[in-house]
Amino acid sequence: AGYDVYLVGGCVRDLIMKKIPKDFDIITTADLRQVKDTFVGSAVIVGRRFPIVHVHDNNSIVEVSSFNTYVRGSSGNQMPTSKSPHCSKNDYLRWKNCQGRDFTINGLMFNPYSEKIYDYLGGIEDIKKAKVRTVIPAATSFHEDCARILRAIRIAARLGFSFPKETAYYVRNLACSVARLDKGRLLMEVNYMLAYGSAEASLRLLWRFGLLEHLLPFQAAYFSSTLFKRKDNGTNMLLVLFSKLDSFLAPNRPCHNSLWISILAFHEALVRKPRDPLVVATFALAVYLGGDLPLAVDIGQSINRQHDAGFAELLEPRMRGKKGLLAEVKDLAISMRQALTEMTDEYYVANAMAKIPQAPSSDLVFIPLQAYLKVLKLIERVQHGKKEIGYEPKSNGNIDYHNLANGTPAEVRNLFTLVVFDTIYPPNLEKEDDSSRR
């Protein structure tokens, strides 16, 4: 329509690195009303403090911002001063907009028509150095918006980047400030970490920089009780569970938050009371089958695979009858339900790290009621051994990522079971066992 338009932010960074962007953000010289008029019937202006246009395209939404939009309450952009290194109005507008970004690697613009990248902040150089560096001094940046601390962790985890010393210092020392964020914002940031294919790396960084105890105290208590050092390169069952989850996900193929919440509660139940791997496997089968416990027990008793003996959460297998196995599966469901309930209760969250000397206390609960109820329903079916009426488990292992992102029960249950089985029965153990027999 005659306006200048650019891709901006993380999508440019990802394209440079030949990665699949989570989404695409666009900025244009058109104002928001002109954008809306250009896409009549499929565009709506949203947001109060920083309004943008949501342009609906098939089943997706493209976010479009304007150079002419200023954050409400700010004085707006001024024309270049003598200190500005840029001359033309367009160049200045691009430069000024990039100055307001959080990290240099997110301060890139790309004109897809001229195929030109604009880099005023040294973002490409920081990509080469694999560094997440704030645009302005880290202390000022994180005081302005403490959500940037979580974004820094998320970006570093996803890309495998590290922080310059200054950024690392303030991520660690301002970690407690994230508790001031709105719970919806916290959920969004944590979901970006755990649901998009970089959960294991995110958990490691959250622990390393002292953020895990503020966001997920139960999991921080587990790391502490197992003497998992802040810079430990080893692993544990929680990290393996999320590593397996990551293997199925990607930035453009996320899962619903009810899945990672289920994994957290499931693991916490095993921490509190370790179980026989057959009980764990049968429980996962019962989840997959929508609560059909008799069938899960029948299938479970036929399992003859080598489990990972390196986890303290798994006991040595022992013989038992069907009634005994069924009772233990129900008991695991009860334990998982209790863990879920305590993870969403401020009193229990505040006391999660009570046994850890000098540990910070956090009563932060950001898991929403809707997600809690979805996970609770999944557990209750197993606990009561009542198959959900009308529910049919997936007949194949193929994942419908659209349904997974929307939290469709069949997809959540399917992937939960796959993650649990891949964790307790790693495929490489089977290969090693076959090799030793030969």
Protein backbone atom coordinates (compact mmCIF):
# COMPACT_ATOMS: atom_id res chain seq x y z
CA ALA A 1 0.00 0.00 0.00
CA GLY A 2 3.01 2.29 -0.39
CA TYR A 3 4.31 2.19 3.21
CA ASP A 4 7.71 1.00 4.38
CA VAL A 5 7.54 -2.27 6.28
CA TYR A 6 10.13 -4.30 8.20
CA LEU A 7 10.42 -7.55 10.10
CA VAL A 8 11.75 -6.67 13.55
CA GLY A 9 13.05 -8.30 16.73
CA GLY A 10 13.57 -11.97 17.50
CA CYS A 11 12.35 -13.25 14.14
CA VAL A 12 15.20 -11.42 12.36
CA ARG A 13 17.68 -12.88 14.83
CA ASP A 14 16.30 -16.38 14.24
CA LEU A 15 16.35 -16.03 10.45
CA ILE A 16 19.99 -14.93 10.59
CA MET A 17 20.76 -18.03 12.69
CA LYS A 18 18.72 -20.22 10.31
CA LYS A 19 16.26 -21.09 13.08
CA ILE A 20 12.48 -21.24 12.86
CA PRO A 21 10.99 -18.11 14.48
CA LYS A 22 8.28 -18.52 17.12
CA ASP A 23 6.36 -15.74 15.37
CA PHE A 24 6.90 -12.72 13.14
CA ASP A 25 6.63 -9.10 14.28
CA ILE A 26 6.21 -6.30 11.74
CA ILE A 27 6.74 -2.55 12.04
CA THR A 28 5.63 -0.04 9.42
CA THR A 29 5.63 3.66 8.61
CA ALA A 30 1.83 3.48 8.34
CA ASP A 31 -0.03 4.49 11.48
CA LEU A 32 -2.31 1.93 13.15
CA ARG A 33 -5.50 3.31 11.61
CA GLN A 34 -3.95 3.03 8.14
CA VAL A 35 -2.92 -0.57 8.87
CA LYS A 36 -6.46 -1.38 9.97
CA ASP A 37 -7.91 0.26 6.85
CA THR A 38 -5.49 -1.69 4.63
CA PHE A 39 -6.69 -5.01 6.07
CA VAL A 40 -10.39 -4.25 6.30
CA GLY A 41 -12.31 -6.90 8.24
CA SER A 42 -9.25 -8.84 9.40
CA ALA A 43 -7.44 -6.31 11.60
CA VAL A 44 -8.11 -4.97 15.08
CA ILE A 45 -6.20 -2.46 17.23
CA VAL A 46 -5.31 -3.92 20.66
CA GLY A 47 -3.33 -2.77 23.70
CA ARG A 48 -3.56 0.39 25.77
CA ARG A 49 -0.06 1.36 26.86
CA PHE A 50 1.52 0.29 23.57
CA PRO A 51 -1.22 -0.31 20.99
CA ILE A 52 -0.58 -2.56 17.98
CA VAL A 53 -2.68 -4.13 15.25
CA HIS A 54 -3.55 -7.81 15.18
CA VAL A 55 -3.96 -8.87 11.57
CA HIS A 56 -5.76 -12.21 11.30
CA ASP A 57 -4.40 -14.43 8.56
CA ASN A 58 -6.07 -17.84 8.31
CA ASN A 59 -5.52 -19.41 11.76
CA SER A 60 -2.68 -17.11 12.83
CA ILE A 61 -2.30 -13.55 14.07
CA VAL A 62 0.42 -11.22 12.83
CA GLU A 63 1.36 -8.37 15.16
CA VAL A 64 1.96 -5.06 13.40
CA SER A 65 3.30 -1.99 15.18
CA SER A 66 3.88 1.50 13.86
CA PHE A 67 6.83 3.87 14.03
CA ASN A 68 4.24 6.55 14.81
CA THR A 69 3.08 4.87 18.05
CA TYR A 70 4.57 6.00 21.33
CA VAL A 71 4.32 4.30 24.69
CA ARG A 72 1.50 6.01 26.56
CA GLY A 73 2.97 8.43 29.06
CA SER A 74 6.19 9.02 27.11
CA SER A 75 7.09 12.25 25.39
CA GLY A 76 7.37 10.53 22.02
CA ASN A 77 10.18 10.57 19.52
CA GLN A 78 11.90 13.83 18.76
CA MET A 79 13.72 14.68 15.59
CA PRO A 80 17.46 13.93 15.51
CA THR A 81 19.71 15.96 17.77
CA SER A 82 23.29 16.92 17.01
CA LYS A 83 24.37 13.84 18.98
CA SER A 84 22.51 11.45 16.71
CA PRO A 85 24.75 9.69 14.19
CA HIS A 86 21.91 9.47 11.67
CA CYS A 87 20.72 12.04 9.18
CA SER A 88 17.64 10.96 7.27
CA LYS A 89 14.26 10.86 8.97
CA ASN A 90 13.68 7.19 8.09
CA ASP A 91 17.10 6.16 9.32
CA TYR A 92 16.51 8.03 12.56
CA LEU A 93 13.11 6.40 13.08
CA ARG A 94 14.63 2.95 12.67
CA TRP A 95 17.53 3.79 14.99
CA LYS A 96 15.25 5.31 17.62
CA ASN A 97 12.94 2.30 17.60
CA CYS A 98 15.84 -0.12 18.01
CA GLN A 99 17.10 1.91 20.98
CA GLY A 100 13.92 0.91 22.81
CA ARG A 101 14.53 -2.84 22.42
CA ASP A 102 15.57 -5.07 25.31
CA PHE A 103 18.64 -6.87 23.90
CA THR A 104 20.98 -6.06 21.04
CA ILE A 105 20.18 -9.33 19.26
CA ASN A 106 16.50 -8.30 19.28
CA GLY A 107 17.28 -4.83 17.93
CA LEU A 108 17.55 -5.88 14.30
CA MET A 109 15.31 -4.84 11.40
CA PHE A 110 14.99 -6.52 8.04
CA ASN A 111 13.44 -5.15 4.87
CA PRO A 112 12.36 -8.31 3.02
CA TYR A 113 11.88 -6.41 -0.25
CA SER A 114 15.33 -4.81 -0.44
CA GLU A 115 16.79 -7.75 1.57
CA LYS A 116 18.62 -5.28 3.80
CA ILE A 117 19.33 -5.77 7.52
CA TYR A 118 19.56 -2.72 9.79
CA ASP A 119 21.79 -3.22 12.82
CA TYR A 120 22.40 -0.10 14.92
CA LEU A 121 23.24 -1.89 18.20
CA GLY A 122 25.85 -4.49 17.30
CA GLY A 123 23.30 -7.29 17.36
CA ILE A 124 24.93 -9.34 14.59
CA GLU A 125 28.28 -9.16 16.38
CA ASP A 126 26.62 -10.40 19.59
CA ILE A 127 25.02 -13.25 17.62
CA LYS A 128 28.50 -14.21 16.44
CA LYS A 129 29.75 -14.04 20.05
CA ALA A 130 26.68 -15.96 21.29
CA LYS A 131 25.92 -13.27 23.88
CA VAL A 132 22.66 -11.89 25.29
CA ARG A 133 23.51 -8.24 26.01
CA THR A 134 21.14 -5.47 27.08
CA VAL A 135 20.84 -2.40 24.87
CA ILE A 136 21.30 -0.03 27.83
CA PRO A 137 23.27 -0.86 31.02
CA ALA A 138 21.86 -4.04 32.53
CA ALA A 139 21.03 -2.51 35.93
CA THR A 140 18.97 0.24 34.29
CA SER A 141 17.34 -2.14 31.82
CA PHE A 142 16.21 -4.65 34.47
CA HIS A 143 15.03 -1.91 36.84
CA GLU A 144 12.95 -0.46 34.00
CA ASP A 145 11.36 -3.83 33.24
CA CYS A 146 12.20 -6.84 35.41
CA ALA A 147 10.46 -9.13 32.87
CA ARG A 148 13.62 -8.65 30.80
CA ILE A 149 15.41 -10.87 33.33
CA LEU A 150 13.14 -13.76 32.40
CA ARG A 151 13.39 -12.97 28.70
CA ALA A 152 17.18 -13.01 29.01
CA ILE A 153 17.02 -16.50 30.53
CA ARG A 154 14.55 -17.67 27.90
CA ILE A 155 16.59 -16.39 24.96
CA ALA A 156 19.89 -17.71 26.34
CA ALA A 157 18.32 -21.12 26.96
CA ARG A 158 16.78 -21.38 23.53
CA LEU A 159 19.86 -20.23 21.62
CA GLY A 160 22.54 -21.71 23.87
CA PHE A 161 23.94 -18.21 24.46
CA SER A 162 25.65 -16.84 27.57
CA PHE A 163 25.60 -13.45 29.31
CA PRO A 164 28.34 -10.82 29.49
CA LYS A 165 29.59 -10.37 33.07
CA GLU A 166 27.52 -7.24 33.72
CA THR A 167 24.30 -8.83 32.50
CA ALA A 168 24.95 -12.05 34.45
CA TYR A 169 25.62 -10.07 37.63
CA TYR A 170 22.31 -8.20 37.50
CA VAL A 171 20.27 -11.23 36.39
CA ARG A 172 21.46 -12.94 39.59
CA ASN A 173 21.24 -9.98 41.93
CA LEU A 174 17.87 -8.70 40.76
CA ALA A 175 16.27 -12.16 40.53
CA CYS A 176 13.85 -11.49 43.40
CA SER A 177 12.35 -8.52 41.52
CA VAL A 178 10.47 -10.82 39.14
CA ALA A 179 8.00 -11.52 41.98
CA ARG A 180 6.60 -8.03 41.32
CA LEU A 181 5.35 -9.03 37.89
CA ASP A 182 1.70 -9.65 37.15
CA LYS A 183 0.87 -13.37 37.47
CA GLY A 184 -0.36 -13.50 33.90
CA ARG A 185 2.94 -12.12 32.69
CA LEU A 186 4.87 -14.62 34.80
CA LEU A 187 2.84 -17.50 33.38
CA MET A 188 3.49 -16.27 29.85
CA GLU A 189 7.25 -16.03 30.39
CA VAL A 190 7.54 -19.41 32.16
CA ASN A 191 5.36 -21.00 29.48
CA TYR A 192 7.70 -19.64 26.79
CA MET A 193 10.54 -21.35 28.66
CA LEU A 194 8.92 -24.74 29.25
CA ALA A 195 6.51 -25.23 26.34
CA TYR A 196 8.58 -24.32 23.28
CA GLY A 197 11.41 -26.85 23.20
CA SER A 198 14.03 -25.38 25.55
CA ALA A 199 12.68 -26.39 28.97
CA GLU A 200 15.74 -28.32 30.15
CA ALA A 201 18.14 -25.47 29.39
CA SER A 202 15.70 -22.97 30.94
CA LEU A 203 15.48 -24.92 34.20
CA ARG A 204 19.26 -25.13 34.38
CA LEU A 205 19.63 -21.37 33.92
CA LEU A 206 16.81 -20.55 36.34
CA TRP A 207 18.62 -22.63 38.96
CA ARG A 208 22.06 -21.25 38.11
CA PHE A 209 20.96 -17.63 38.50
CA GLY A 210 18.75 -18.03 41.58
CA LEU A 211 15.39 -17.59 39.85
CA LEU A 212 14.01 -21.11 40.28
CA GLU A 213 13.41 -20.65 44.02
CA HIS A 214 11.23 -17.61 43.30
CA LEU A 215 9.22 -19.16 40.46
CA LEU A 216 9.10 -22.90 41.23
CA PRO A 217 10.16 -23.42 44.87
CA PHE A 218 9.26 -27.14 44.94
CA GLN A 219 11.59 -27.81 42.04
CA ALA A 220 14.29 -25.59 43.56
CA ALA A 221 14.01 -27.60 46.81
CA TYR A 222 14.55 -30.78 44.76
CA PHE A 223 17.69 -29.37 43.16
CA SER A 224 18.98 -28.30 46.55
CA SER A 225 18.15 -31.55 48.37
CA THR A 226 19.98 -33.57 45.70
CA LEU A 227 23.05 -31.27 46.08
CA PHE A 228 22.76 -30.20 42.45
CA LYS A 229 25.24 -27.33 42.20
CA ARG A 230 24.34 -24.07 40.46
CA LYS A 231 26.76 -24.73 37.60
CA ASP A 232 26.34 -28.51 37.59
CA ASN A 233 26.58 -29.95 34.08
CA GLY A 234 25.20 -33.30 35.24
CA THR A 235 21.56 -34.25 35.15
CA ASN A 236 18.66 -35.51 37.25
CA MET A 237 15.24 -36.99 36.62
CA LEU A 238 13.46 -33.63 36.40
CA LEU A 239 15.90 -32.39 33.76
CA VAL A 240 15.64 -35.66 31.82
CA LEU A 241 11.82 -35.47 31.81
CA PHE A 242 11.97 -32.00 30.29
CA SER A 243 14.76 -32.97 27.92
CA LYS A 244 12.46 -35.68 26.57
CA LEU A 245 9.63 -33.15 26.30
CA ASP A 246 11.93 -30.78 24.40
CA SER A 247 12.64 -33.49 21.84
CA PHE A 248 9.00 -33.33 20.71
CA LEU A 249 8.59 -29.55 20.70
CA ALA A 250 9.88 -26.49 18.83
CA PRO A 251 9.25 -22.72 18.83
CA ASN A 252 6.57 -23.20 16.18
CA ARG A 253 5.27 -26.44 17.78
CA PRO A 254 4.59 -25.69 21.47
CA CYS A 255 2.53 -27.64 23.99
CA HIS A 256 -0.28 -26.46 26.25
CA ASN A 257 0.78 -25.35 29.74
CA SER A 258 -1.21 -28.20 31.31
CA LEU A 259 1.39 -30.65 29.98
CA TRP A 260 4.44 -29.14 31.69
CA ILE A 261 2.41 -28.55 34.85
CA SER A 262 1.49 -32.27 34.77
CA ILE A 263 5.17 -33.21 34.48
CA LEU A 264 6.12 -30.97 37.41
CA ALA A 265 3.42 -32.47 39.65
CA PHE A 266 4.20 -36.02 38.51
CA HIS A 267 7.89 -35.64 39.31
CA GLU A 268 7.19 -34.02 42.67
CA ALA A 269 5.04 -37.03 43.57
CA LEU A 270 7.97 -39.36 42.80
CA VAL A 271 10.36 -37.19 44.82
CA ARG A 272 8.11 -37.53 47.85
CA LYS A 273 7.65 -41.26 47.43
CA PRO A 274 9.87 -43.15 44.96
CA ARG A 275 8.11 -45.90 43.00
CA ASP A 276 8.75 -49.12 41.18
CA PRO A 277 9.23 -48.31 37.46
CA LEU A 278 6.40 -50.71 36.60
CA VAL A 279 4.03 -48.64 38.76
CA VAL A 280 5.20 -45.48 37.02
CA ALA A 281 4.79 -47.00 33.56
CA THR A 282 1.33 -48.38 34.36
CA PHE A 283 0.28 -45.00 35.72
CA ALA A 284 1.41 -43.34 32.47
CA LEU A 285 -0.54 -45.95 30.48
CA ALA A 286 -3.64 -45.24 32.59
CA VAL A 287 -3.26 -41.54 31.81
CA TYR A 288 -2.96 -42.33 28.09
CA LEU A 289 -6.03 -44.58 28.24
CA GLY A 290 -8.15 -41.92 29.90
CA GLY A 291 -8.39 -43.71 33.24
CA ASP A 292 -8.96 -47.26 31.98
CA LEU A 293 -7.02 -48.87 34.85
CA PRO A 294 -7.80 -52.56 34.17
CA LEU A 295 -6.46 -52.28 30.62
CA ALA A 296 -3.45 -50.26 31.81
CA VAL A 297 -2.62 -52.94 34.40
CA ASP A 298 -2.93 -55.73 31.81
CA ILE A 299 -0.58 -53.93 29.44
CA GLY A 300 1.75 -52.84 32.24
CA GLN A 301 2.29 -56.39 33.48
CA SER A 302 3.54 -57.39 30.05
CA ILE A 303 6.33 -54.77 30.08
CA ASN A 304 9.77 -56.36 30.15
CA ARG A 305 12.24 -53.54 29.59
CA GLN A 306 15.37 -52.26 31.29
CA HIS A 307 14.68 -49.09 33.30
CA ASP A 308 17.13 -46.30 34.06
CA ALA A 309 18.56 -47.24 37.46
CA GLY A 310 20.28 -43.90 37.90
CA PHE A 311 17.24 -42.10 39.32
CA ALA A 312 16.61 -42.04 43.08
CA GLU A 313 12.91 -41.59 42.25
CA LEU A 314 12.73 -45.15 40.86
CA LEU A 315 12.91 -48.23 43.11
CA GLU A 316 14.09 -51.67 42.09
CA PRO A 317 11.28 -53.66 40.40
CA ARG A 318 9.45 -56.28 42.45
CA MET A 319 6.77 -58.86 41.76
CA ARG A 320 3.14 -58.16 42.63
CA GLY A 321 -0.34 -59.22 41.51
CA LYS A 322 -2.88 -57.19 39.57
CA LYS A 323 -4.63 -55.90 42.68
CA GLY A 324 -1.36 -54.75 44.21
CA LEU A 325 -0.28 -52.97 41.02
CA LEU A 326 -3.67 -51.31 40.65
CA ALA A 327 -3.58 -50.06 44.25
CA GLU A 328 -0.08 -48.61 43.84
CA VAL A 329 -1.05 -46.83 40.62
CA LYS A 330 -4.01 -45.24 42.40
CA ASP A 331 -1.71 -44.25 45.26
CA LEU A 332 0.64 -42.53 42.81
CA ALA A 333 -2.35 -40.64 41.39
CA ILE A 334 -3.29 -39.49 44.91
CA SER A 335 0.29 -38.36 45.54
CA MET A 336 0.40 -36.47 42.23
CA ARG A 337 -2.91 -34.79 43.05
CA GLN A 338 -1.58 -33.68 46.43
CA ALA A 339 1.61 -32.34 44.82
CA LEU A 340 -0.44 -30.40 42.26
CA THR A 341 -2.67 -28.93 44.95
CA GLU A 342 0.29 -27.84 47.08
CA MET A 343 2.07 -26.35 44.05
CA THR A 344 -0.94 -24.06 43.59
CA ASP A 345 -1.40 -23.16 47.27
CA GLU A 346 0.41 -20.08 48.59
CA TYR A 347 0.95 -21.58 52.05
CA TYR A 348 2.68 -24.73 50.77
CA VAL A 349 4.63 -22.82 48.12
CA ALA A 350 5.96 -20.45 50.80
CA ASN A 351 7.12 -23.41 52.90
CA ALA A 352 8.51 -25.50 50.04
CA MET A 353 12.11 -24.52 50.83
CA ALA A 354 11.74 -24.26 54.61
CA LYS A 355 14.32 -27.01 55.12
CA ILE A 356 16.91 -25.26 52.99
CA PRO A 357 19.19 -22.95 55.03
CA GLN A 358 19.08 -19.28 54.03
CA ALA A 359 16.67 -20.02 51.18
CA PRO A 360 14.39 -17.18 50.08
CA SER A 361 10.69 -17.58 50.80
CA SER A 362 8.27 -17.22 47.90
CA ASP A 363 4.50 -17.63 48.01
CA LEU A 364 4.22 -16.92 44.31
CA VAL A 365 1.51 -18.97 42.56
CA PHE A 366 1.01 -18.17 38.89
CA ILE A 367 -0.50 -21.46 37.67
CA PRO A 368 -4.04 -20.50 36.59
CA LEU A 369 -7.16 -22.27 37.82
CA GLN A 370 -8.07 -23.41 34.31
CA ALA A 371 -4.76 -25.25 33.85
CA TYR A 372 -4.98 -26.68 37.39
CA LEU A 373 -8.43 -28.12 36.64
CA LYS A 374 -7.26 -29.65 33.35
CA VAL A 375 -4.42 -31.47 35.12
CA LEU A 376 -6.68 -32.43 38.03
CA LYS A 377 -9.14 -34.05 35.63
CA LEU A 378 -6.32 -36.07 34.09
CA ILE A 379 -5.25 -37.32 37.54
CA GLU A 380 -8.74 -38.02 38.89
CA ARG A 381 -9.57 -40.41 36.08
CA VAL A 382 -6.63 -42.59 37.12
CA GLN A 383 -7.25 -42.13 40.84
CA HIS A 384 -10.83 -43.38 40.57
CA GLY A 385 -10.18 -45.84 37.75
CA LYS A 386 -13.06 -44.49 35.70
CA LYS A 387 -12.48 -44.13 32.00
CA GLU A 388 -13.71 -40.83 30.62
CA ILE A 389 -16.94 -41.36 28.70
CA GLY A 390 -16.46 -40.76 25.00
CA TYR A 391 -12.69 -40.48 25.31
CA GLU A 392 -10.62 -42.48 22.84
CA PRO A 393 -6.82 -42.53 23.06
CA LYS A 394 -4.85 -41.79 19.94
CA SER A 395 -4.43 -44.86 17.77
CA ASN A 396 -0.96 -43.79 16.58
CA GLY A 397 1.99 -41.88 17.96
CA ASN A 398 1.68 -38.96 15.55
CA ILE A 399 1.29 -35.62 17.30
CA ASP A 400 -1.28 -33.07 16.18
CA TYR A 401 0.54 -29.90 17.23
CA HIS A 402 -2.46 -27.66 16.74
CA ASN A 403 -4.45 -29.75 19.22
CA LEU A 404 -1.44 -30.05 21.54
CA ALA A 405 -1.08 -26.26 21.74
CA ASN A 406 -4.80 -25.98 22.51
CA GLY A 407 -4.61 -28.59 25.27
CA THR A 408 -6.77 -31.28 23.66
CA PRO A 409 -6.86 -34.12 26.26
CA ALA A 410 -5.85 -36.87 23.82
CA GLU A 411 -2.74 -34.96 22.73
CA VAL A 412 -1.70 -33.94 26.25
CA ARG A 413 -2.14 -37.50 27.55
CA ASN A 414 -0.35 -38.98 24.55
CA LEU A 415 2.74 -36.80 24.92
CA PHE A 416 2.77 -37.10 28.73
CA THR A 417 2.97 -40.89 28.35
CA LEU A 418 5.64 -40.72 25.66
CA VAL A 419 7.79 -38.44 27.84
CA VAL A 420 7.44 -40.69 30.90
CA PHE A 421 8.25 -43.87 28.95
CA ASP A 422 11.26 -42.30 27.23
CA THR A 423 12.53 -41.19 30.64
CA ILE A 424 12.22 -44.44 32.60
CA TYR A 425 12.94 -46.72 29.62
CA PRO A 426 15.57 -44.88 27.53
CA PRO A 427 15.92 -46.42 24.05
CA ASN A 428 19.72 -46.47 24.40
CA LEU A 429 19.42 -48.89 27.35
CA GLU A 430 17.59 -51.37 25.15
CA LYS A 431 20.36 -51.13 22.55
CA GLU A 432 23.04 -51.64 25.19
CA ASP A 433 21.14 -54.64 26.56
CA ASP A 434 20.83 -56.20 23.08
CA SER A 435 24.55 -55.63 22.49
CA SER A 436 25.53 -57.33 25.76
CA ARG A 437 23.36 -60.36 24.92
CA ARG A 438 25.06 -60.68 21.54
